[in-house]
Amino acid sequence: MNPNNGKATPLSRLTGKGIYPVEYAGWLLNPLRRLISPPSKIVKRLGLRSTDRVLEIGCGPGYFSLAVARAVRQGMLTLFDYQDGMLDIAERRLKKRGIANFTRRQGDAKALPFADNDFDVAFMVTVLGEVGDPAAALKDAARVLKPGGRLSITEMIGDPDFVSIAHLKEMARGAGLTLERRYGPRFFYTCNFTKPASKA
């Protein structure tokens, strides 16, 4: 007899495809993670300006959020996640460190609750594959970017929801985005795309 009646448990979701369970959010904040993916590296790859309005799609418990908020001290970071529990943790971490230039919003990445042309930069780190329809998520991320804005996608081999570079490029083209720059190594890559600037 299955005590879970066939339902996925937090542990099974941790090791399988789909949304990362909030019950294990603490694992995402493990200091050892800095050996492979330090937040400073992501901030550098994002190419942020201090005044940027930034959307972090799938912020989780805020592992990257603190470094990004500090990099845009005259701008604004919007934390976005499917799970309110993740947003609660991220918000507490930022407030504890005196960070105030952020807002939070819960929702689905396939239908972002933001206006068109609202952000300078949007980014996802090992999140895109967790979205039920990643192609739709890329299109909506492009929609909320300002003309000339940047969408940064980071993926890491070993993640159950890993998205290959080839597949990402194909979906990005479908979203009307242009590859600006790629960072390596292949097992931990970042691709930055730009939204076409408005025609005069």
N, C-alpha and C. Protein backbone atom coordinates (compact mmCIF):
# COMPACT_ATOMS: atom_id res chain seq x y z
N MET A 1 0.84 -1.20 0.00
CA MET A 1 0.00 0.00 0.00
C MET A 1 0.88 1.25 0.00
N ASN A 2 0.56 2.19 -0.84
CA ASN A 2 1.32 3.43 -0.91
C ASN A 2 0.73 4.44 0.05
N PRO A 3 1.48 4.85 1.10
CA PRO A 3 0.93 5.79 2.08
C PRO A 3 0.63 7.16 1.49
N ASN A 4 1.20 7.46 0.34
CA ASN A 4 0.96 8.77 -0.27
C ASN A 4 -0.12 8.72 -1.35
N ASN A 5 -0.76 7.52 -1.50
CA ASN A 5 -1.83 7.35 -2.47
C ASN A 5 -1.41 7.79 -3.87
N GLY A 6 -0.16 7.52 -4.20
CA GLY A 6 0.33 7.83 -5.54
C GLY A 6 0.73 9.26 -5.76
N LYS A 7 0.60 10.11 -4.76
CA LYS A 7 0.94 11.52 -4.91
C LYS A 7 2.44 11.73 -4.73
N ALA A 8 2.96 12.73 -5.41
CA ALA A 8 4.38 13.04 -5.30
C ALA A 8 4.68 13.65 -3.94
N THR A 9 5.70 13.16 -3.29
CA THR A 9 6.13 13.71 -2.01
C THR A 9 7.17 14.80 -2.27
N PRO A 10 7.43 15.66 -1.26
CA PRO A 10 8.48 16.67 -1.44
C PRO A 10 9.81 16.06 -1.86
N LEU A 11 10.16 14.90 -1.26
CA LEU A 11 11.44 14.27 -1.58
C LEU A 11 11.47 13.79 -3.02
N SER A 12 10.35 13.21 -3.50
CA SER A 12 10.33 12.73 -4.89
C SER A 12 10.39 13.90 -5.86
N ARG A 13 9.80 15.04 -5.50
CA ARG A 13 9.87 16.22 -6.35
C ARG A 13 11.27 16.82 -6.34
N LEU A 14 11.99 16.62 -5.24
CA LEU A 14 13.35 17.14 -5.13
C LEU A 14 14.27 16.48 -6.15
N THR A 15 14.09 15.21 -6.38
CA THR A 15 14.98 14.46 -7.26
C THR A 15 14.42 14.28 -8.66
N GLY A 16 13.18 14.73 -8.90
CA GLY A 16 12.57 14.57 -10.21
C GLY A 16 12.31 15.91 -10.88
N LYS A 17 11.62 15.83 -11.99
CA LYS A 17 11.31 17.04 -12.74
C LYS A 17 10.19 17.82 -12.06
N GLY A 18 10.17 19.13 -12.34
CA GLY A 18 9.10 19.96 -11.80
C GLY A 18 9.59 20.99 -10.81
N ILE A 19 8.63 21.66 -10.20
CA ILE A 19 8.92 22.77 -9.29
C ILE A 19 9.66 22.27 -8.04
N TYR A 20 10.73 22.97 -7.70
CA TYR A 20 11.53 22.61 -6.54
C TYR A 20 10.70 22.82 -5.28
N PRO A 21 10.63 21.83 -4.40
CA PRO A 21 9.76 21.94 -3.20
C PRO A 21 10.29 22.93 -2.17
N VAL A 22 9.40 23.78 -1.69
CA VAL A 22 9.78 24.78 -0.69
C VAL A 22 10.26 24.12 0.60
N GLU A 23 9.83 22.89 0.84
CA GLU A 23 10.25 22.17 2.04
C GLU A 23 11.77 21.99 2.11
N TYR A 24 12.43 22.03 0.96
CA TYR A 24 13.88 21.85 0.91
C TYR A 24 14.59 23.13 0.47
N ALA A 25 13.96 24.26 0.70
CA ALA A 25 14.54 25.54 0.28
C ALA A 25 15.91 25.78 0.91
N GLY A 26 16.09 25.32 2.15
CA GLY A 26 17.36 25.52 2.84
C GLY A 26 18.54 24.93 2.10
N TRP A 27 18.32 23.86 1.35
CA TRP A 27 19.41 23.23 0.60
C TRP A 27 19.94 24.17 -0.48
N LEU A 28 19.07 25.04 -1.00
CA LEU A 28 19.49 25.99 -2.03
C LEU A 28 20.36 27.11 -1.47
N LEU A 29 20.38 27.23 -0.14
CA LEU A 29 21.17 28.27 0.51
C LEU A 29 22.46 27.72 1.12
N ASN A 30 22.78 26.49 0.81
CA ASN A 30 23.99 25.85 1.34
C ASN A 30 25.23 26.63 0.89
N PRO A 31 26.10 27.03 1.84
CA PRO A 31 27.31 27.79 1.48
C PRO A 31 28.20 27.09 0.46
N LEU A 32 28.16 25.75 0.42
CA LEU A 32 28.98 25.01 -0.53
C LEU A 32 28.59 25.31 -1.98
N ARG A 33 27.37 25.79 -2.16
CA ARG A 33 26.91 26.12 -3.51
C ARG A 33 27.76 27.23 -4.13
N ARG A 34 28.36 28.05 -3.28
CA ARG A 34 29.18 29.15 -3.77
C ARG A 34 30.43 28.68 -4.51
N LEU A 35 30.84 27.45 -4.27
CA LEU A 35 32.01 26.92 -4.96
C LEU A 35 31.74 26.76 -6.45
N ILE A 36 30.48 26.48 -6.82
CA ILE A 36 30.14 26.25 -8.22
C ILE A 36 29.42 27.45 -8.82
N SER A 37 28.46 27.98 -8.09
CA SER A 37 27.65 29.08 -8.64
C SER A 37 27.54 30.24 -7.66
N PRO A 38 28.63 30.96 -7.45
CA PRO A 38 28.57 32.12 -6.56
C PRO A 38 27.67 33.20 -7.15
N PRO A 39 26.85 33.86 -6.31
CA PRO A 39 25.98 34.93 -6.82
C PRO A 39 26.75 36.01 -7.57
N SER A 40 27.98 36.28 -7.16
CA SER A 40 28.77 37.32 -7.83
C SER A 40 28.99 36.99 -9.30
N LYS A 41 29.10 35.70 -9.62
CA LYS A 41 29.31 35.31 -11.02
C LYS A 41 28.06 35.61 -11.85
N ILE A 42 26.88 35.33 -11.29
CA ILE A 42 25.64 35.61 -12.00
C ILE A 42 25.47 37.12 -12.19
N VAL A 43 25.77 37.89 -11.14
CA VAL A 43 25.66 39.35 -11.25
C VAL A 43 26.56 39.86 -12.37
N LYS A 44 27.77 39.33 -12.45
CA LYS A 44 28.70 39.76 -13.50
C LYS A 44 28.16 39.41 -14.87
N ARG A 45 27.59 38.21 -15.00
CA ARG A 45 27.05 37.78 -16.28
C ARG A 45 25.82 38.59 -16.68
N LEU A 46 25.08 39.11 -15.72
CA LEU A 46 23.88 39.89 -16.01
C LEU A 46 24.21 41.27 -16.59
N GLY A 47 25.40 41.79 -16.30
CA GLY A 47 25.78 43.09 -16.82
C GLY A 47 24.87 44.21 -16.36
N LEU A 48 24.60 44.26 -15.07
CA LEU A 48 23.62 45.19 -14.51
C LEU A 48 24.14 46.62 -14.41
N ARG A 49 23.22 47.57 -14.54
CA ARG A 49 23.47 48.97 -14.22
C ARG A 49 22.78 49.27 -12.89
N SER A 50 23.29 50.24 -12.17
CA SER A 50 22.77 50.52 -10.83
C SER A 50 21.31 50.95 -10.82
N THR A 51 20.81 51.45 -11.96
CA THR A 51 19.44 51.95 -12.03
C THR A 51 18.46 50.97 -12.65
N ASP A 52 18.91 49.77 -12.97
CA ASP A 52 18.06 48.80 -13.67
C ASP A 52 16.87 48.35 -12.84
N ARG A 53 15.76 48.12 -13.54
CA ARG A 53 14.61 47.41 -12.98
C ARG A 53 14.76 45.95 -13.40
N VAL A 54 14.90 45.06 -12.42
CA VAL A 54 15.25 43.67 -12.68
C VAL A 54 14.14 42.74 -12.20
N LEU A 55 13.80 41.75 -13.01
CA LEU A 55 12.83 40.73 -12.65
C LEU A 55 13.55 39.40 -12.48
N GLU A 56 13.51 38.85 -11.28
CA GLU A 56 14.09 37.53 -11.02
C GLU A 56 12.97 36.50 -11.04
N ILE A 57 12.90 35.74 -12.12
CA ILE A 57 11.84 34.75 -12.30
C ILE A 57 12.27 33.44 -11.66
N GLY A 58 11.51 33.00 -10.67
CA GLY A 58 11.88 31.79 -9.93
C GLY A 58 12.97 32.09 -8.93
N CYS A 59 12.72 33.08 -8.09
CA CYS A 59 13.76 33.53 -7.14
C CYS A 59 14.06 32.52 -6.06
N GLY A 60 13.13 31.57 -5.81
CA GLY A 60 13.35 30.61 -4.73
C GLY A 60 13.56 31.34 -3.42
N PRO A 61 14.46 30.84 -2.57
CA PRO A 61 14.69 31.47 -1.27
C PRO A 61 15.61 32.68 -1.32
N GLY A 62 15.93 33.16 -2.51
CA GLY A 62 16.70 34.39 -2.63
C GLY A 62 18.20 34.21 -2.63
N TYR A 63 18.68 33.06 -3.12
CA TYR A 63 20.12 32.81 -3.12
C TYR A 63 20.88 33.86 -3.92
N PHE A 64 20.34 34.26 -5.07
CA PHE A 64 20.99 35.28 -5.91
C PHE A 64 20.47 36.68 -5.63
N SER A 65 19.34 36.78 -4.96
CA SER A 65 18.62 38.05 -4.84
C SER A 65 19.40 39.14 -4.12
N LEU A 66 20.08 38.79 -3.06
CA LEU A 66 20.82 39.78 -2.27
C LEU A 66 21.88 40.46 -3.13
N ALA A 67 22.66 39.69 -3.85
CA ALA A 67 23.73 40.25 -4.68
C ALA A 67 23.15 41.11 -5.80
N VAL A 68 22.03 40.68 -6.38
CA VAL A 68 21.42 41.46 -7.46
C VAL A 68 20.86 42.77 -6.93
N ALA A 69 20.15 42.73 -5.80
CA ALA A 69 19.59 43.95 -5.21
C ALA A 69 20.68 44.96 -4.89
N ARG A 70 21.81 44.48 -4.40
CA ARG A 70 22.92 45.38 -4.08
C ARG A 70 23.53 45.98 -5.35
N ALA A 71 23.46 45.25 -6.45
CA ALA A 71 24.03 45.75 -7.71
C ALA A 71 23.15 46.81 -8.36
N VAL A 72 21.88 46.86 -7.97
CA VAL A 72 20.94 47.84 -8.56
C VAL A 72 20.38 48.73 -7.45
N ARG A 73 21.25 49.28 -6.64
CA ARG A 73 20.83 50.06 -5.47
C ARG A 73 19.92 51.24 -5.82
N GLN A 74 20.09 51.80 -7.00
CA GLN A 74 19.23 52.91 -7.42
C GLN A 74 18.08 52.43 -8.30
N GLY A 75 17.99 51.14 -8.48
CA GLY A 75 16.93 50.54 -9.27
C GLY A 75 15.99 49.73 -8.39
N MET A 76 15.45 48.66 -8.96
CA MET A 76 14.48 47.85 -8.23
C MET A 76 14.58 46.40 -8.68
N LEU A 77 14.54 45.49 -7.71
CA LEU A 77 14.49 44.05 -7.98
C LEU A 77 13.10 43.56 -7.65
N THR A 78 12.48 42.85 -8.58
CA THR A 78 11.19 42.22 -8.33
C THR A 78 11.41 40.72 -8.21
N LEU A 79 11.10 40.19 -7.03
CA LEU A 79 11.18 38.76 -6.78
C LEU A 79 9.89 38.12 -7.29
N PHE A 80 10.02 37.08 -8.09
CA PHE A 80 8.83 36.41 -8.64
C PHE A 80 9.00 34.91 -8.48
N ASP A 81 7.98 34.27 -7.93
CA ASP A 81 8.05 32.82 -7.75
C ASP A 81 6.65 32.23 -7.75
N TYR A 82 6.57 30.96 -8.08
CA TYR A 82 5.29 30.25 -8.08
C TYR A 82 4.82 29.96 -6.67
N GLN A 83 5.78 29.85 -5.73
CA GLN A 83 5.46 29.46 -4.36
C GLN A 83 5.61 30.64 -3.39
N ASP A 84 4.53 30.96 -2.70
CA ASP A 84 4.58 32.03 -1.70
C ASP A 84 5.62 31.73 -0.62
N GLY A 85 5.78 30.45 -0.29
CA GLY A 85 6.75 30.08 0.74
C GLY A 85 8.16 30.48 0.38
N MET A 86 8.52 30.33 -0.89
CA MET A 86 9.85 30.75 -1.35
C MET A 86 9.98 32.27 -1.24
N LEU A 87 8.95 32.98 -1.64
CA LEU A 87 8.97 34.44 -1.56
C LEU A 87 9.11 34.92 -0.12
N ASP A 88 8.46 34.23 0.80
CA ASP A 88 8.56 34.60 2.22
C ASP A 88 10.00 34.50 2.70
N ILE A 89 10.67 33.40 2.33
CA ILE A 89 12.06 33.20 2.76
C ILE A 89 12.96 34.27 2.14
N ALA A 90 12.79 34.50 0.84
CA ALA A 90 13.62 35.49 0.15
C ALA A 90 13.41 36.88 0.75
N GLU A 91 12.18 37.23 1.03
CA GLU A 91 11.88 38.55 1.61
C GLU A 91 12.54 38.71 2.98
N ARG A 92 12.43 37.69 3.81
CA ARG A 92 13.05 37.76 5.15
C ARG A 92 14.56 37.93 5.04
N ARG A 93 15.19 37.22 4.12
CA ARG A 93 16.64 37.32 3.96
C ARG A 93 17.07 38.72 3.55
N LEU A 94 16.33 39.32 2.63
CA LEU A 94 16.69 40.65 2.17
C LEU A 94 16.46 41.70 3.25
N LYS A 95 15.33 41.61 3.93
CA LYS A 95 15.03 42.58 4.98
C LYS A 95 16.03 42.48 6.13
N LYS A 96 16.44 41.26 6.44
CA LYS A 96 17.40 41.05 7.53
C LYS A 96 18.72 41.76 7.24
N ARG A 97 19.04 41.92 5.97
CA ARG A 97 20.29 42.56 5.56
C ARG A 97 20.10 44.03 5.18
N GLY A 98 18.94 44.56 5.50
CA GLY A 98 18.69 45.98 5.27
C GLY A 98 18.42 46.36 3.83
N ILE A 99 18.06 45.39 3.01
CA ILE A 99 17.76 45.67 1.61
C ILE A 99 16.30 46.08 1.48
N ALA A 100 16.05 47.21 0.82
CA ALA A 100 14.68 47.70 0.69
C ALA A 100 14.25 47.91 -0.77
N ASN A 101 15.18 47.87 -1.71
CA ASN A 101 14.84 48.15 -3.11
C ASN A 101 14.35 46.88 -3.82
N PHE A 102 13.28 46.30 -3.28
CA PHE A 102 12.71 45.12 -3.91
C PHE A 102 11.21 45.05 -3.65
N THR A 103 10.53 44.34 -4.53
CA THR A 103 9.13 44.01 -4.36
C THR A 103 9.00 42.51 -4.60
N ARG A 104 7.83 41.95 -4.32
CA ARG A 104 7.61 40.52 -4.54
C ARG A 104 6.25 40.32 -5.21
N ARG A 105 6.18 39.23 -5.97
CA ARG A 105 4.93 38.90 -6.66
C ARG A 105 4.87 37.41 -6.89
N GLN A 106 3.75 36.81 -6.59
CA GLN A 106 3.56 35.38 -6.81
C GLN A 106 2.81 35.17 -8.12
N GLY A 107 3.13 34.09 -8.83
CA GLY A 107 2.41 33.79 -10.05
C GLY A 107 3.09 32.73 -10.88
N ASP A 108 2.60 32.57 -12.09
CA ASP A 108 3.07 31.55 -13.03
C ASP A 108 3.92 32.22 -14.10
N ALA A 109 5.09 31.68 -14.35
CA ALA A 109 6.02 32.27 -15.32
C ALA A 109 5.47 32.25 -16.74
N LYS A 110 4.48 31.42 -17.00
CA LYS A 110 3.90 31.38 -18.34
C LYS A 110 2.96 32.56 -18.59
N ALA A 111 2.56 33.24 -17.52
CA ALA A 111 1.64 34.38 -17.65
C ALA A 111 2.02 35.41 -16.60
N LEU A 112 3.10 36.13 -16.84
CA LEU A 112 3.64 37.07 -15.87
C LEU A 112 2.66 38.23 -15.62
N PRO A 113 2.41 38.56 -14.35
CA PRO A 113 1.44 39.61 -14.02
C PRO A 113 2.05 41.00 -14.04
N PHE A 114 2.71 41.33 -15.15
CA PHE A 114 3.37 42.63 -15.29
C PHE A 114 3.01 43.25 -16.63
N ALA A 115 3.15 44.56 -16.70
CA ALA A 115 2.85 45.28 -17.94
C ALA A 115 3.92 45.02 -18.99
N ASP A 116 3.59 45.28 -20.23
CA ASP A 116 4.57 45.20 -21.32
C ASP A 116 5.69 46.22 -21.07
N ASN A 117 6.89 45.87 -21.51
CA ASN A 117 8.03 46.81 -21.51
C ASN A 117 8.31 47.40 -20.13
N ASP A 118 8.27 46.55 -19.10
CA ASP A 118 8.36 47.02 -17.71
C ASP A 118 9.76 46.91 -17.10
N PHE A 119 10.59 46.01 -17.61
CA PHE A 119 11.88 45.71 -16.97
C PHE A 119 13.05 45.90 -17.93
N ASP A 120 14.19 46.28 -17.36
CA ASP A 120 15.43 46.37 -18.13
C ASP A 120 16.07 45.00 -18.30
N VAL A 121 15.98 44.18 -17.25
CA VAL A 121 16.61 42.86 -17.23
C VAL A 121 15.67 41.87 -16.57
N ALA A 122 15.60 40.67 -17.11
CA ALA A 122 14.91 39.55 -16.46
C ALA A 122 15.87 38.37 -16.50
N PHE A 123 15.83 37.55 -15.45
CA PHE A 123 16.73 36.40 -15.46
C PHE A 123 16.14 35.21 -14.73
N MET A 124 16.60 34.03 -15.13
CA MET A 124 16.24 32.75 -14.51
C MET A 124 17.50 31.93 -14.35
N VAL A 125 17.67 31.34 -13.19
CA VAL A 125 18.81 30.45 -12.94
C VAL A 125 18.27 29.07 -12.59
N THR A 126 18.51 28.11 -13.45
CA THR A 126 18.02 26.73 -13.33
C THR A 126 16.54 26.68 -13.00
N VAL A 127 15.77 27.48 -13.73
CA VAL A 127 14.32 27.59 -13.49
C VAL A 127 13.52 27.23 -14.73
N LEU A 128 14.01 27.58 -15.91
CA LEU A 128 13.21 27.47 -17.12
C LEU A 128 12.60 26.09 -17.31
N GLY A 129 13.37 25.04 -17.05
CA GLY A 129 12.88 23.68 -17.23
C GLY A 129 11.79 23.27 -16.26
N GLU A 130 11.64 24.01 -15.16
CA GLU A 130 10.59 23.71 -14.20
C GLU A 130 9.23 24.23 -14.64
N VAL A 131 9.24 25.16 -15.58
CA VAL A 131 8.00 25.75 -16.07
C VAL A 131 7.32 24.76 -17.00
N GLY A 132 6.02 24.62 -16.87
CA GLY A 132 5.29 23.65 -17.68
C GLY A 132 5.44 23.87 -19.18
N ASP A 133 5.52 25.12 -19.60
CA ASP A 133 5.69 25.44 -21.02
C ASP A 133 6.81 26.48 -21.13
N PRO A 134 8.07 26.02 -21.20
CA PRO A 134 9.19 26.97 -21.21
C PRO A 134 9.17 27.93 -22.40
N ALA A 135 8.68 27.50 -23.54
CA ALA A 135 8.62 28.39 -24.70
C ALA A 135 7.67 29.55 -24.42
N ALA A 136 6.55 29.26 -23.79
CA ALA A 136 5.60 30.31 -23.43
C ALA A 136 6.19 31.25 -22.39
N ALA A 137 6.97 30.69 -21.47
CA ALA A 137 7.61 31.51 -20.43
C ALA A 137 8.62 32.48 -21.05
N LEU A 138 9.37 32.02 -22.05
CA LEU A 138 10.32 32.91 -22.72
C LEU A 138 9.61 34.03 -23.47
N LYS A 139 8.50 33.70 -24.12
CA LYS A 139 7.74 34.72 -24.85
C LYS A 139 7.19 35.78 -23.89
N ASP A 140 6.72 35.33 -22.72
CA ASP A 140 6.15 36.31 -21.79
C ASP A 140 7.25 37.12 -21.11
N ALA A 141 8.40 36.50 -20.88
CA ALA A 141 9.53 37.25 -20.34
C ALA A 141 9.95 38.33 -21.33
N ALA A 142 9.95 38.00 -22.62
CA ALA A 142 10.29 38.99 -23.65
C ALA A 142 9.26 40.12 -23.66
N ARG A 143 8.03 39.78 -23.46
CA ARG A 143 6.97 40.79 -23.47
C ARG A 143 7.17 41.86 -22.40
N VAL A 144 7.59 41.45 -21.20
CA VAL A 144 7.70 42.41 -20.09
C VAL A 144 9.02 43.19 -20.12
N LEU A 145 9.93 42.82 -21.03
CA LEU A 145 11.19 43.55 -21.15
C LEU A 145 11.00 44.81 -21.98
N LYS A 146 11.74 45.84 -21.63
CA LYS A 146 11.77 47.05 -22.45
C LYS A 146 12.49 46.74 -23.76
N PRO A 147 12.19 47.45 -24.84
CA PRO A 147 12.96 47.27 -26.08
C PRO A 147 14.45 47.47 -25.79
N GLY A 148 15.26 46.53 -26.23
CA GLY A 148 16.69 46.56 -25.93
C GLY A 148 17.03 45.90 -24.62
N GLY A 149 16.01 45.43 -23.90
CA GLY A 149 16.24 44.78 -22.60
C GLY A 149 16.87 43.41 -22.74
N ARG A 150 17.36 42.89 -21.63
CA ARG A 150 18.12 41.63 -21.63
C ARG A 150 17.39 40.54 -20.85
N LEU A 151 17.34 39.35 -21.43
CA LEU A 151 16.86 38.15 -20.74
C LEU A 151 18.03 37.21 -20.59
N SER A 152 18.34 36.84 -19.35
CA SER A 152 19.49 35.97 -19.07
C SER A 152 18.99 34.64 -18.51
N ILE A 153 19.43 33.56 -19.14
CA ILE A 153 19.04 32.21 -18.74
C ILE A 153 20.30 31.43 -18.38
N THR A 154 20.32 30.89 -17.17
CA THR A 154 21.45 30.08 -16.71
C THR A 154 20.97 28.66 -16.43
N GLU A 155 21.71 27.68 -16.92
CA GLU A 155 21.38 26.27 -16.72
C GLU A 155 22.61 25.51 -16.26
N MET A 156 22.38 24.44 -15.50
CA MET A 156 23.47 23.63 -14.98
C MET A 156 23.18 22.15 -15.19
N ILE A 157 24.11 21.44 -15.80
CA ILE A 157 23.97 20.00 -15.97
C ILE A 157 23.91 19.34 -14.59
N GLY A 158 23.02 18.38 -14.47
CA GLY A 158 22.78 17.72 -13.18
C GLY A 158 21.42 18.09 -12.64
N ASP A 159 20.92 19.25 -13.04
CA ASP A 159 19.57 19.65 -12.68
C ASP A 159 18.60 18.75 -13.44
N PRO A 160 17.61 18.14 -12.76
CA PRO A 160 16.66 17.26 -13.46
C PRO A 160 15.91 17.97 -14.59
N ASP A 161 15.83 19.30 -14.52
CA ASP A 161 15.08 20.07 -15.51
C ASP A 161 16.02 20.82 -16.47
N PHE A 162 17.23 20.33 -16.64
CA PHE A 162 18.24 21.00 -17.48
C PHE A 162 17.72 21.24 -18.88
N VAL A 163 17.96 22.45 -19.40
CA VAL A 163 17.60 22.82 -20.77
C VAL A 163 18.90 22.99 -21.56
N SER A 164 19.02 22.29 -22.66
CA SER A 164 20.24 22.36 -23.46
C SER A 164 20.33 23.72 -24.16
N ILE A 165 21.56 24.09 -24.52
CA ILE A 165 21.78 25.35 -25.22
C ILE A 165 21.03 25.36 -26.55
N ALA A 166 21.07 24.26 -27.27
CA ALA A 166 20.41 24.19 -28.58
C ALA A 166 18.91 24.42 -28.44
N HIS A 167 18.30 23.77 -27.46
CA HIS A 167 16.86 23.92 -27.25
C HIS A 167 16.52 25.34 -26.80
N LEU A 168 17.36 25.89 -25.93
CA LEU A 168 17.13 27.25 -25.46
C LEU A 168 17.19 28.24 -26.61
N LYS A 169 18.20 28.11 -27.47
CA LYS A 169 18.34 29.03 -28.60
C LYS A 169 17.12 28.96 -29.53
N GLU A 170 16.64 27.74 -29.74
CA GLU A 170 15.48 27.56 -30.61
C GLU A 170 14.25 28.25 -30.02
N MET A 171 14.01 28.07 -28.71
CA MET A 171 12.86 28.70 -28.07
C MET A 171 13.01 30.22 -28.03
N ALA A 172 14.23 30.70 -27.81
CA ALA A 172 14.48 32.14 -27.77
C ALA A 172 14.19 32.79 -29.11
N ARG A 173 14.58 32.11 -30.20
CA ARG A 173 14.28 32.62 -31.53
C ARG A 173 12.77 32.73 -31.72
N GLY A 174 12.05 31.73 -31.23
CA GLY A 174 10.60 31.75 -31.33
C GLY A 174 9.97 32.88 -30.53
N ALA A 175 10.69 33.35 -29.51
CA ALA A 175 10.21 34.46 -28.69
C ALA A 175 10.65 35.80 -29.23
N GLY A 176 11.35 35.78 -30.36
CA GLY A 176 11.80 37.03 -30.97
C GLY A 176 13.02 37.64 -30.32
N LEU A 177 13.80 36.81 -29.62
CA LEU A 177 14.99 37.28 -28.91
C LEU A 177 16.26 36.97 -29.70
N THR A 178 17.27 37.80 -29.51
CA THR A 178 18.55 37.64 -30.20
C THR A 178 19.63 37.31 -29.19
N LEU A 179 20.44 36.29 -29.48
CA LEU A 179 21.54 35.94 -28.59
C LEU A 179 22.57 37.06 -28.57
N GLU A 180 22.85 37.56 -27.38
CA GLU A 180 23.82 38.64 -27.20
C GLU A 180 25.19 38.08 -26.83
N ARG A 181 25.20 37.17 -25.86
CA ARG A 181 26.47 36.60 -25.39
C ARG A 181 26.21 35.31 -24.64
N ARG A 182 27.20 34.39 -24.75
CA ARG A 182 27.12 33.14 -23.99
C ARG A 182 28.34 33.01 -23.11
N TYR A 183 28.11 32.59 -21.89
CA TYR A 183 29.19 32.34 -20.93
C TYR A 183 29.24 30.84 -20.65
N GLY A 184 30.42 30.33 -20.40
CA GLY A 184 30.60 28.91 -20.10
C GLY A 184 31.12 28.71 -18.71
N PRO A 185 31.46 27.48 -18.35
CA PRO A 185 31.59 26.29 -19.19
C PRO A 185 30.24 25.67 -19.54
N ARG A 186 30.27 24.68 -20.40
CA ARG A 186 29.03 24.09 -20.91
C ARG A 186 28.17 23.51 -19.78
N PHE A 187 28.81 23.00 -18.71
CA PHE A 187 28.00 22.40 -17.65
C PHE A 187 27.33 23.44 -16.76
N PHE A 188 27.73 24.71 -16.90
CA PHE A 188 27.13 25.79 -16.13
C PHE A 188 27.13 27.03 -17.01
N TYR A 189 26.23 27.05 -17.98
CA TYR A 189 26.25 28.11 -18.98
C TYR A 189 25.21 29.18 -18.69
N THR A 190 25.47 30.36 -19.23
CA THR A 190 24.52 31.46 -19.22
C THR A 190 24.41 32.00 -20.63
N CYS A 191 23.19 32.17 -21.11
CA CYS A 191 22.95 32.81 -22.39
C CYS A 191 22.17 34.09 -22.15
N ASN A 192 22.70 35.20 -22.62
CA ASN A 192 22.02 36.48 -22.55
C ASN A 192 21.41 36.80 -23.91
N PHE A 193 20.12 37.11 -23.89
CA PHE A 193 19.40 37.46 -25.10
C PHE A 193 18.90 38.90 -24.99
N THR A 194 18.71 39.56 -26.12
CA THR A 194 18.17 40.91 -26.11
C THR A 194 16.87 40.96 -26.88
N LYS A 195 16.00 41.85 -26.43
CA LYS A 195 14.75 42.13 -27.12
C LYS A 195 15.03 43.23 -28.14
N PRO A 196 14.56 43.06 -29.36
CA PRO A 196 14.84 44.08 -30.38
C PRO A 196 14.38 45.46 -29.92
N ALA A 197 15.18 46.47 -30.25
CA ALA A 197 14.82 47.84 -29.92
C ALA A 197 13.67 48.28 -30.81
N SER A 198 12.90 49.24 -30.32
CA SER A 198 11.77 49.74 -31.09
C SER A 198 12.26 50.44 -32.35
N LYS A 199 11.51 50.28 -33.43
CA LYS A 199 11.87 50.93 -34.68
C LYS A 199 11.42 52.40 -34.61
N ALA A 200 12.27 53.26 -35.10
CA ALA A 200 11.97 54.70 -35.08
C ALA A 200 10.82 55.01 -36.03
